[in-house]
Protein backbone atom coordinates (compact mmCIF):
# COMPACT_ATOMS: atom_id res chain seq x y z
CA MET A 1 -26.50 18.55 -37.45
CA PRO A 2 -29.07 20.46 -35.36
CA ARG A 3 -28.95 24.13 -36.56
CA GLU A 4 -30.51 27.15 -35.17
CA GLN A 5 -30.68 30.67 -36.65
CA PHE A 6 -30.39 33.91 -34.70
CA ARG A 7 -31.96 36.90 -36.46
CA LEU A 8 -31.13 40.51 -35.76
CA PRO A 9 -33.48 41.70 -32.92
CA ASP A 10 -35.00 45.11 -32.52
CA LEU A 11 -32.27 46.98 -30.63
CA GLY A 12 -34.54 49.83 -29.45
CA GLU A 13 -37.31 52.15 -30.48
CA GLY A 14 -38.20 50.25 -33.61
CA LEU A 15 -34.97 50.92 -35.48
CA PRO A 16 -35.23 49.21 -38.83
CA ASP A 17 -31.68 48.06 -39.35
CA ALA A 18 -28.04 48.12 -38.04
CA GLU A 19 -24.67 48.06 -39.82
CA ILE A 20 -22.20 45.26 -38.95
CA VAL A 21 -19.07 46.93 -37.49
CA ARG A 22 -17.03 44.08 -36.16
CA TRP A 23 -17.50 40.35 -35.50
CA LEU A 24 -16.42 39.19 -32.15
CA VAL A 25 -16.69 35.38 -32.96
CA ALA A 26 -15.25 33.57 -35.81
CA VAL A 27 -16.85 30.75 -37.87
CA GLY A 28 -16.05 27.41 -36.11
CA GLU A 29 -15.78 28.95 -32.57
CA PRO A 30 -18.02 28.04 -29.77
CA VAL A 31 -20.68 30.50 -28.53
CA THR A 32 -22.64 30.57 -25.28
CA ILE A 33 -25.85 32.28 -24.17
CA ASN A 34 -25.33 36.03 -23.59
CA GLN A 35 -21.85 36.02 -25.14
CA PRO A 36 -21.27 39.12 -27.27
CA ILE A 37 -20.97 37.91 -30.85
CA VAL A 38 -21.05 41.13 -33.01
CA GLU A 39 -20.70 44.87 -32.83
CA VAL A 40 -23.27 46.78 -34.82
CA GLU A 41 -24.06 50.43 -35.29
CA THR A 42 -27.71 51.59 -35.22
CA ALA A 43 -29.07 55.09 -35.75
CA LYS A 44 -28.67 55.48 -31.94
CA ALA A 45 -25.42 53.94 -30.80
CA LEU A 46 -22.73 51.31 -31.11
CA VAL A 47 -24.10 47.91 -29.65
CA GLU A 48 -22.74 44.65 -28.87
CA VAL A 49 -25.30 41.96 -29.62
CA PRO A 50 -25.29 38.82 -27.34
CA SER A 51 -26.07 35.33 -28.47
CA PRO A 52 -29.30 33.72 -27.37
CA LEU A 53 -27.86 30.25 -28.35
CA THR A 54 -25.22 27.80 -27.22
CA GLY A 55 -23.27 25.84 -29.70
CA VAL A 56 -20.72 26.33 -32.47
CA LEU A 57 -21.00 29.20 -34.96
CA ILE A 58 -21.16 27.74 -38.42
CA VAL A 59 -22.44 30.62 -40.62
CA ARG A 60 -22.12 34.40 -40.37
CA HIS A 61 -24.79 35.92 -42.66
CA ALA A 62 -23.17 39.39 -43.10
CA GLU A 63 -19.79 41.01 -43.19
CA PRO A 64 -18.45 44.32 -41.67
CA GLY A 65 -19.97 47.19 -43.58
CA ASP A 66 -23.10 45.32 -44.45
CA THR A 67 -26.58 46.63 -43.32
CA VAL A 68 -28.89 44.04 -41.98
CA GLU A 69 -32.51 44.62 -41.39
CA VAL A 70 -34.30 43.59 -38.18
CA GLY A 71 -35.70 40.03 -38.45
CA ARG A 72 -32.95 38.85 -40.95
CA PRO A 73 -30.42 36.17 -40.19
CA LEU A 74 -27.16 37.16 -38.33
CA ILE A 75 -25.67 33.74 -37.56
CA THR A 76 -26.43 30.05 -37.73
CA VAL A 77 -25.39 27.99 -34.77
CA ASP A 78 -24.86 24.25 -34.53
CA THR A 79 -26.49 23.51 -31.13
CA ASP A 80 -24.88 20.06 -30.84
CA ALA A 81 -22.02 20.71 -28.51
CA THR A 82 -20.23 17.56 -29.61
CA ALA A 83 -20.02 18.82 -33.28
CA ALA A 84 -17.25 21.26 -32.61
CA ALA A 85 -14.45 18.83 -33.27
CA ASP A 86 -16.02 17.59 -36.57
CA LEU A 87 -16.35 21.08 -38.21
CA GLY A 88 -14.48 21.76 -41.33
CA PRO A 89 -13.82 25.01 -43.08
CA ALA A 90 -17.07 26.97 -43.45
CA THR A 91 -18.16 29.13 -46.36
CA ARG A 92 -20.22 32.13 -46.10
CA PRO A 93 -23.51 31.84 -47.93
CA ASP A 94 -25.45 34.35 -49.93
CA HIS A 95 -26.69 37.12 -47.52
CA GLY A 96 -30.19 36.78 -49.01
CA THR A 97 -30.42 33.01 -48.50
CA ASP A 98 -31.70 31.50 -45.26
CA HIS A 99 -29.63 28.34 -44.10
CA GLY A 100 -30.74 25.96 -41.39
CA THR A 101 -33.77 26.06 -39.35
CA ASP A 102 -35.76 29.27 -39.00
CA SER A 103 -35.53 30.65 -35.43
CA PRO A 104 -38.53 30.14 -33.40
CA ALA A 105 -41.08 27.77 -34.99
CA ASP A 106 -43.88 30.20 -34.35
CA GLY A 107 -42.16 32.79 -36.67
CA ARG A 108 -41.57 35.38 -33.99
CA THR A 109 -38.38 37.53 -34.09
CA PRO A 110 -36.00 36.80 -31.20
CA VAL A 111 -35.93 39.36 -28.52
CA LEU A 112 -32.94 39.77 -26.16
CA VAL A 113 -33.28 41.00 -22.55
CA GLY A 114 -32.75 44.76 -22.44
CA TYR A 115 -33.78 45.47 -26.19
CA GLY A 116 -37.49 44.93 -26.58
CA PRO A 117 -39.77 43.73 -29.36
CA ARG A 118 -40.15 45.31 -32.80
CA ALA A 119 -43.17 47.51 -33.23
CA SER A 120 -44.16 45.94 -36.51
CA ALA A 121 -43.05 42.81 -38.32
CA GLY A 122 -43.31 43.72 -41.91
CA PRO A 123 -41.27 41.98 -44.66
CA SER A 124 -37.55 42.22 -44.02
CA HIS A 125 -34.46 41.47 -46.14
CA THR A 126 -30.82 42.36 -46.30
CA ARG A 127 -29.60 44.79 -49.00
CA PRO A 128 -30.25 43.54 -52.53
CA ARG A 129 -27.28 41.90 -54.36
CA GLN A 130 -28.50 42.16 -57.97
CA ARG A 131 -30.85 44.43 -59.80
CA THR A 132 -32.56 43.96 -63.11
CA ASP A 133 -33.38 46.52 -65.72
CA GLU A 134 -36.86 47.41 -66.88
CA ASN A 135 -36.87 44.50 -69.46
CA GLY A 136 -36.13 42.07 -66.58
CA GLN A 137 -32.68 41.31 -67.87
CA ASN A 138 -29.97 40.80 -65.27
CA ARG A 139 -27.11 43.41 -65.40
CA GLN A 140 -24.41 41.00 -64.32
CA GLN A 141 -23.17 40.24 -67.92
CA GLU A 142 -22.75 44.04 -68.57
CA ARG A 143 -20.75 44.28 -65.27
CA ASN A 144 -18.36 41.55 -66.29
CA LYS A 145 -17.49 42.95 -69.69
CA PRO A 146 -13.62 43.38 -69.72
CA ASP A 147 -13.69 46.63 -71.60
CA GLY A 148 -16.87 47.96 -69.93
CA PRO A 149 -16.80 51.30 -68.01
CA ALA A 150 -15.87 51.12 -64.30
CA ILE A 151 -18.23 54.03 -63.48
CA ARG A 152 -21.95 53.20 -63.30
CA PRO A 153 -24.10 55.62 -65.36
CA ASP A 154 -27.01 54.87 -62.95
CA HIS A 155 -25.18 55.70 -59.73
CA ALA A 156 -27.88 58.05 -58.62
CA GLU A 157 -30.38 55.18 -58.69
CA ARG A 158 -28.04 52.97 -56.70
CA ARG A 159 -27.76 55.55 -53.94
CA SER A 160 -31.45 54.76 -53.06
CA GLN A 161 -30.17 51.33 -51.90
CA PRO A 162 -29.06 50.78 -48.23
CA GLY A 163 -25.37 50.47 -49.17
CA VAL A 164 -22.54 49.12 -51.29
CA LEU A 165 -20.91 45.75 -51.25
CA ALA A 166 -17.12 46.10 -50.46
CA LYS A 167 -14.94 44.79 -47.71
CA PRO A 168 -13.21 47.21 -45.33
CA PRO A 169 -9.80 47.09 -47.16
CA VAL A 170 -11.48 47.95 -50.45
CA ARG A 171 -13.47 50.79 -48.74
CA LYS A 172 -10.21 52.16 -47.36
CA LEU A 173 -8.55 52.06 -50.73
CA ALA A 174 -11.41 53.99 -52.22
CA ARG A 175 -11.27 56.59 -49.56
CA ASP A 176 -7.42 56.95 -50.03
CA LEU A 177 -7.94 57.31 -53.84
CA GLY A 178 -10.90 59.61 -53.49
CA ILE A 179 -13.12 57.17 -55.37
CA ASP A 180 -16.90 57.13 -54.74
CA LEU A 181 -17.89 53.44 -54.30
CA TRP A 182 -21.52 54.31 -55.14
CA ARG A 183 -20.34 54.85 -58.71
CA ILE A 184 -18.56 51.57 -59.24
CA ALA A 185 -20.10 48.47 -60.87
CA GLY A 186 -18.80 45.53 -58.75
CA THR A 187 -17.70 42.56 -60.83
CA GLY A 188 -17.45 40.11 -57.87
CA PRO A 189 -20.14 37.75 -56.63
CA HIS A 190 -23.58 39.48 -56.26
CA GLY A 191 -21.98 42.75 -57.38
CA THR A 192 -19.29 42.89 -54.71
CA ILE A 193 -16.75 45.61 -55.37
CA SER A 194 -13.12 44.38 -55.48
CA ARG A 195 -9.74 46.04 -55.23
CA ALA A 196 -9.39 45.75 -59.05
CA ASP A 197 -12.78 47.44 -59.52
CA VAL A 198 -11.52 50.43 -57.51
CA GLU A 199 -8.18 50.52 -59.36
CA ALA A 200 -9.93 50.27 -62.70
CA ALA A 201 -12.17 53.30 -61.69
CA ARG A 202 -9.02 55.56 -61.01
CA LEU A 203 -8.61 56.76 -64.65
CA PRO A 204 -12.24 57.93 -65.31
CA ALA A 205 -12.31 59.51 -61.77
CA ARG A 206 -9.13 61.50 -62.58
CA GLU A 207 -10.89 63.05 -65.55
CA GLU A 208 -13.68 64.32 -63.29
CA PRO A 209 -12.78 67.44 -61.23
CA ALA A 210 -15.54 66.60 -58.77
CA SER A 211 -13.84 63.39 -57.85
CA ARG A 212 -11.46 65.38 -55.70
CA VAL A 213 -14.37 65.77 -53.16
CA ARG A 214 -14.15 63.25 -50.24
CA ARG A 215 -17.53 61.79 -49.68
CA ILE A 216 -18.76 60.45 -46.26
CA PRO A 217 -21.98 58.34 -46.26
CA VAL A 218 -24.48 59.65 -43.75
CA THR A 219 -25.27 56.55 -41.66
CA GLY A 220 -25.87 55.44 -38.14
CA VAL A 221 -25.73 58.08 -35.40
CA ARG A 222 -24.94 60.92 -37.85
CA ARG A 223 -27.96 60.03 -40.02
CA ALA A 224 -30.21 60.05 -36.76
CA THR A 225 -28.81 63.22 -35.52
CA ALA A 226 -29.35 64.98 -38.89
CA ALA A 227 -32.82 63.87 -39.06
CA ALA A 228 -33.67 64.96 -35.43
CA MET A 229 -32.18 68.41 -36.00
CA VAL A 230 -34.18 68.95 -39.21
CA THR A 231 -37.31 67.89 -37.38
CA SER A 232 -36.33 70.25 -34.45
CA ALA A 233 -35.65 73.25 -36.74
CA TYR A 234 -38.80 72.98 -38.87
CA THR A 235 -41.21 71.90 -36.11
CA ALA A 236 -40.66 73.91 -32.99
CA PRO A 237 -40.52 77.76 -32.90
CA GLN A 238 -37.26 78.16 -31.03
CA VAL A 239 -36.19 81.19 -28.90
CA THR A 240 -32.82 81.63 -27.28
CA GLU A 241 -32.00 83.81 -24.25
CA PHE A 242 -28.53 84.62 -22.99
CA VAL A 243 -26.85 85.60 -19.66
CA SER A 244 -23.36 86.33 -18.52
CA VAL A 245 -22.57 85.21 -14.87
CA ASP A 246 -19.84 85.95 -12.48
CA VAL A 247 -18.89 82.27 -11.41
CA THR A 248 -15.93 83.28 -9.30
CA GLU A 249 -17.31 81.92 -6.05
CA MET A 250 -18.54 78.83 -7.68
CA MET A 251 -15.15 77.93 -9.15
CA ALA A 252 -13.58 78.44 -5.71
CA ALA A 253 -16.20 76.02 -4.20
CA ARG A 254 -15.45 73.60 -7.04
CA ASP A 255 -11.83 73.33 -6.02
CA ARG A 256 -12.75 72.63 -2.35
CA ILE A 257 -15.36 70.02 -3.27
CA ALA A 258 -13.03 68.25 -5.65
CA ALA A 259 -10.76 67.71 -2.74
CA LEU A 260 -13.31 65.73 -0.80
CA PRO A 261 -12.94 61.91 -0.57
CA GLU A 262 -16.46 61.45 -1.84
CA PHE A 263 -15.39 62.69 -5.26
CA THR A 264 -12.28 60.45 -5.51
CA GLY A 265 -11.96 59.36 -9.14
CA VAL A 266 -14.35 61.88 -10.38
CA LYS A 267 -13.45 65.04 -12.42
CA VAL A 268 -15.33 67.77 -10.82
CA THR A 269 -16.15 70.35 -13.47
CA ALA A 270 -18.37 73.37 -13.93
CA LEU A 271 -20.86 71.16 -15.74
CA LEU A 272 -21.73 69.42 -12.40
CA PHE A 273 -22.80 72.65 -10.84
CA VAL A 274 -24.74 73.69 -14.00
CA ALA A 275 -26.53 70.32 -13.91
CA GLN A 276 -27.45 70.75 -10.25
CA ALA A 277 -28.66 74.33 -10.82
CA LEU A 278 -30.85 73.30 -13.79
CA LEU A 279 -32.39 70.41 -11.75
CA THR A 280 -33.26 72.94 -9.07
CA ALA A 281 -34.68 75.42 -11.63
CA VAL A 282 -36.86 72.69 -13.00
CA GLN A 283 -38.20 72.06 -9.46
CA ARG A 284 -39.10 75.65 -9.29
CA HIS A 285 -40.52 75.77 -12.80
CA PRO A 286 -41.80 72.40 -13.84
CA MET A 287 -43.16 73.57 -17.17
CA ILE A 288 -39.62 73.88 -18.56
CA ASN A 289 -39.24 70.00 -18.29
CA SER A 290 -42.00 69.24 -20.83
CA SER A 291 -42.64 68.23 -24.43
CA TRP A 292 -45.25 68.88 -27.19
CA ALA A 293 -47.58 65.99 -28.33
CA GLU A 294 -49.29 66.67 -31.65
CA ALA A 295 -52.95 66.22 -32.12
CA VAL A 296 -54.03 62.82 -33.05
CA GLY A 297 -57.42 62.20 -34.54
CA ASP A 298 -60.00 64.07 -32.59
CA ALA A 299 -57.68 64.46 -29.58
CA PRO A 300 -56.11 68.00 -29.47
CA ALA A 301 -52.36 68.72 -29.14
CA GLN A 302 -51.03 68.45 -25.57
CA ILE A 303 -48.25 69.62 -23.42
CA LEU A 304 -46.59 66.69 -21.50
CA ILE A 305 -45.12 67.96 -18.22
CA HIS A 306 -42.65 65.23 -17.08
CA GLU A 307 -42.42 64.57 -13.35
CA ASP A 308 -39.08 62.83 -13.75
CA VAL A 309 -36.06 64.89 -14.98
CA ASN A 310 -34.23 62.63 -17.36
CA LEU A 311 -31.26 64.86 -17.82
CA GLY A 312 -29.67 64.81 -21.17
CA ILE A 313 -25.90 65.54 -21.64
CA ALA A 314 -24.76 66.22 -25.23
CA VAL A 315 -21.45 64.46 -25.79
CA ALA A 316 -19.11 64.39 -28.86
CA SER A 317 -18.54 60.60 -29.25
CA PRO A 318 -16.32 58.82 -31.85
CA ARG A 319 -19.47 58.25 -33.90
CA GLY A 320 -21.01 61.67 -33.70
CA LEU A 321 -23.05 63.73 -31.31
CA VAL A 322 -25.04 61.68 -28.85
CA VAL A 323 -27.36 62.71 -25.96
CA PRO A 324 -27.49 60.09 -23.35
CA ASN A 325 -29.40 60.96 -20.16
CA ILE A 326 -29.32 60.49 -16.38
CA PRO A 327 -32.79 59.01 -15.54
CA ARG A 328 -34.64 60.59 -12.52
CA ALA A 329 -31.76 62.89 -11.86
CA GLN A 330 -33.97 65.17 -9.80
CA GLY A 331 -33.62 62.92 -6.70
CA MET A 332 -29.68 62.93 -6.77
CA GLY A 333 -27.51 64.78 -4.42
CA LEU A 334 -24.19 66.43 -5.63
CA VAL A 335 -22.12 63.40 -5.01
CA ALA A 336 -24.42 60.94 -6.77
CA LEU A 337 -24.91 63.41 -9.67
CA GLY A 338 -21.13 63.87 -10.04
CA HIS A 339 -20.48 60.11 -10.31
CA ALA A 340 -23.41 59.75 -12.75
CA LEU A 341 -22.08 62.45 -14.99
CA HIS A 342 -18.59 61.03 -14.89
CA GLU A 343 -19.78 57.52 -15.85
CA LEU A 344 -22.06 58.75 -18.63
CA THR A 345 -19.59 61.12 -20.29
CA THR A 346 -16.82 58.48 -20.09
CA ALA A 347 -18.89 55.78 -21.65
CA ALA A 348 -20.09 58.18 -24.42
CA ARG A 349 -16.56 59.27 -25.38
CA ALA A 350 -15.46 55.71 -25.41
CA GLY A 351 -18.24 54.79 -27.87
CA LYS A 352 -19.76 52.41 -25.26
CA ILE A 353 -23.05 54.17 -24.72
CA THR A 354 -26.10 51.90 -24.58
CA PRO A 355 -29.50 52.42 -26.42
CA ASP A 356 -31.36 52.52 -23.06
CA SER A 357 -29.46 55.63 -22.01
CA LEU A 358 -30.42 57.50 -25.16
CA ARG A 359 -34.16 57.14 -24.65
CA GLY A 360 -36.65 59.31 -22.83
CA GLY A 361 -34.61 62.45 -22.19
CA SER A 362 -36.64 65.44 -20.95
CA ILE A 363 -34.24 68.35 -20.90
CA THR A 364 -30.59 68.71 -22.07
CA ILE A 365 -27.36 70.41 -21.26
CA THR A 366 -24.62 71.04 -23.92
CA ASN A 367 -21.10 72.19 -22.85
CA ILE A 368 -19.62 74.05 -25.75
CA GLY A 369 -17.21 75.87 -23.54
CA VAL A 370 -14.84 72.93 -23.51
CA PHE A 371 -14.05 73.89 -27.05
CA GLY A 372 -13.25 77.50 -26.20
CA ILE A 373 -16.47 78.78 -27.58
CA ASP A 374 -17.96 81.82 -25.79
CA ILE A 375 -21.62 80.76 -26.47
CA GLY A 376 -23.97 79.80 -29.17
CA THR A 377 -27.57 79.13 -29.87
CA PRO A 378 -28.20 75.38 -29.12
CA ILE A 379 -31.04 73.64 -31.11
CA LEU A 380 -33.56 71.67 -29.27
CA ASN A 381 -33.24 67.95 -28.84
CA PRO A 382 -36.73 66.86 -29.94
CA PRO A 383 -39.26 66.44 -28.40
CA GLU A 384 -37.85 68.34 -25.38
CA ALA A 385 -38.88 71.84 -24.67
CA ALA A 386 -35.57 73.27 -23.54
CA ILE A 387 -31.75 72.93 -23.87
CA LEU A 388 -29.18 74.90 -21.79
CA ALA A 389 -25.75 75.58 -23.21
CA LEU A 390 -22.71 76.38 -21.13
CA GLY A 391 -20.09 78.48 -22.89
CA ALA A 392 -16.49 79.29 -22.03
CA ILE A 393 -15.53 80.23 -18.53
CA ARG A 394 -12.93 83.04 -18.73
CA PRO A 395 -11.24 85.73 -16.66
CA THR A 396 -13.09 88.79 -17.62
CA PRO A 397 -13.13 92.57 -16.54
CA TRP A 398 -16.20 92.89 -14.37
CA ILE A 399 -17.75 95.39 -11.98
CA HIS A 400 -17.66 93.77 -8.57
CA ASN A 401 -18.75 95.58 -5.52
CA GLY A 402 -18.68 98.89 -7.44
CA GLU A 403 -15.20 98.48 -8.72
CA LEU A 404 -13.64 97.19 -11.89
CA ALA A 405 -11.92 93.79 -11.23
CA VAL A 406 -10.91 90.64 -13.13
CA ARG A 407 -13.58 87.96 -12.37
CA THR A 408 -14.33 84.52 -13.65
CA VAL A 409 -17.30 84.83 -15.98
CA ALA A 410 -19.39 82.11 -17.78
CA GLN A 411 -21.76 82.48 -20.71
CA LEU A 412 -25.17 80.61 -20.73
CA ALA A 413 -27.75 80.32 -23.35
CA LEU A 414 -31.23 78.65 -23.02
CA THR A 415 -33.19 77.73 -26.03
CA PHE A 416 -36.85 76.75 -25.67
CA ASP A 417 -39.95 75.72 -27.67
CA HIS A 418 -42.07 78.91 -27.62
CA ARG A 419 -45.25 76.79 -28.11
CA ILE A 420 -44.73 75.65 -24.50
CA VAL A 421 -42.33 78.12 -22.83
CA ASP A 422 -43.01 81.85 -23.12
CA GLY A 423 -40.29 84.44 -22.82
CA GLU A 424 -40.94 85.15 -19.19
CA LEU A 425 -40.70 81.50 -18.08
CA GLY A 426 -37.57 81.11 -20.08
CA ALA A 427 -36.03 84.25 -18.54
CA ARG A 428 -36.93 83.07 -15.01
CA VAL A 429 -35.34 79.71 -15.52
CA LEU A 430 -32.19 81.18 -17.01
CA ALA A 431 -31.96 83.78 -14.26
CA ASP A 432 -32.44 81.14 -11.60
CA VAL A 433 -29.65 79.01 -13.05
CA GLY A 434 -27.40 82.08 -13.16
CA ALA A 435 -28.24 83.07 -9.59
CA MET A 436 -27.27 79.71 -8.30
CA LEU A 437 -23.93 79.57 -10.20
CA ALA A 438 -23.10 83.08 -9.01
CA ASP A 439 -23.71 82.32 -5.32
CA PRO A 440 -23.29 78.80 -3.93
CA ALA A 441 -25.40 79.84 -0.81
CA VAL A 442 -28.39 80.50 -3.23
CA ALA A 443 -27.93 77.12 -4.72
CA LEU A 444 -27.92 75.59 -1.22
CA ALA A 445 -31.04 77.44 -0.09
CA TRP A 446 -33.13 76.49 -3.17
CA SER A 447 -32.09 72.91 -3.55
C-alpha cells in the first residue's frame, strides 16, 4: 500500500502551531489535490487547509482540540486510487508516532500555494502524551489508581504544556460543570481525560470556592491579540487626540449615494466616508502611514514610511478581534472602496478571513460607534504609527450658522506613536479627516 504523509505547513508568518477545529474528511474517504481536509485555528485566523495529495485518507494524526506543531503529521494518505474498495476500519494511531513514508524524501516541510515556507525548521512535535517525574518513573500507574485523587497536585506545571487531551463532548461537560480540565489527571490512553474523569472531579471541585470561576483558555486569535496589545502598550509612547464633527451633510450624502446602482448589494455606512477621508489625509500627510523599526546591530532605528496604504479595519469576529486590511487602498475610488469594505467585514464576521488579509497593515480604523459608544482611546495595532476610532453618530445640540440647532455629530479619536508622529502632525491629520466628513465638497476637492 503506497502511503504518503502530509505534515502541517506554515500557515503564515512563521506561526509555530495550529489547533484542530474540525475535520472535513473522514478516514476511508477519498481526497484530491487542493480539497479542504481540515479546519484549523492559528494565532491569526481560522483556516481551511487543502490537501496536496490524491488518494484515500487512512490516518488522521490529531483530533479536534489538539494542537499540532508545524512540520508534524496531519494525515496519511494511500495514494493508490484502487485501494479505496479494500479499506477496512482504520484506527487512529498515537499522535507522536509517524506512520507511513515521511513526506518529501529530502526532508522538507510541504508548502501549500498561498501560505509560504517556515522561517526555521527546528525540531517539532505534537503535544506530549506522558510525563515522567524527576526519578524517571512514569506517572501512568498513579493516574490509574482507583482511589486516587481526581485533581492533579501539579496542575500549575501542566499549564506550561500546549493543551489538554480531551474530546469536544468531554470539554463541554467540564465547562458545564465548571471543572478546570488542566487540574484533572486523565486515566485514558496517553493521559486522555474521559467523561468519568470529569465526573470524578466534581466532588473535590465542589469543595473549592474558586471552582465557581469559569476559565477560558487563551489560545488562537485571542492569545495573539493579547500579546500584540501588551507589546503595543509597553513599546510605543501613545498619544490620543479627539474631535467632534458635525456630519449632517455627510449623512445626507450617504443616503443619496446608497441609492446609486453602483452600490447595489453594499451597505453604505459612515465607515466608508471615514475610510476615504483617512486615505486622503494620508496622501496629504504621508508620515502618518509609517512604522518604527528598532535598531539592529550597528544600524540605527528607522522610521519606515509606507508608500502603499494597507488600510486595516478592526472587526469583532466569532474568534475575537481581528484586523484584516485592504491592500493598496490609496488607489481606490469610493465605489471600489465600498465593495472592498463590505467583502472584508462580511468575511471577518463569518470567521472566514484569510491569513494573507491579516498581514502588512499600515494604518487602522476601528468603529466603536456601532456599539453605541461615544468615543474611546484606541490602542495602536503594532507596528503601525496610527489608529483612528469612529465613535457614535448622534443627534446633538450644536451651534450652526450662529444658532442652536439639532445636528448629527460624530466623535473621532486618533491615537499615534509619539516617536514618529508629533502632536502637530496628529492634529493636522485629525482636523483634515474632520473637515472632509463635515463637508463633502472638501473631500471632493482634496481627493
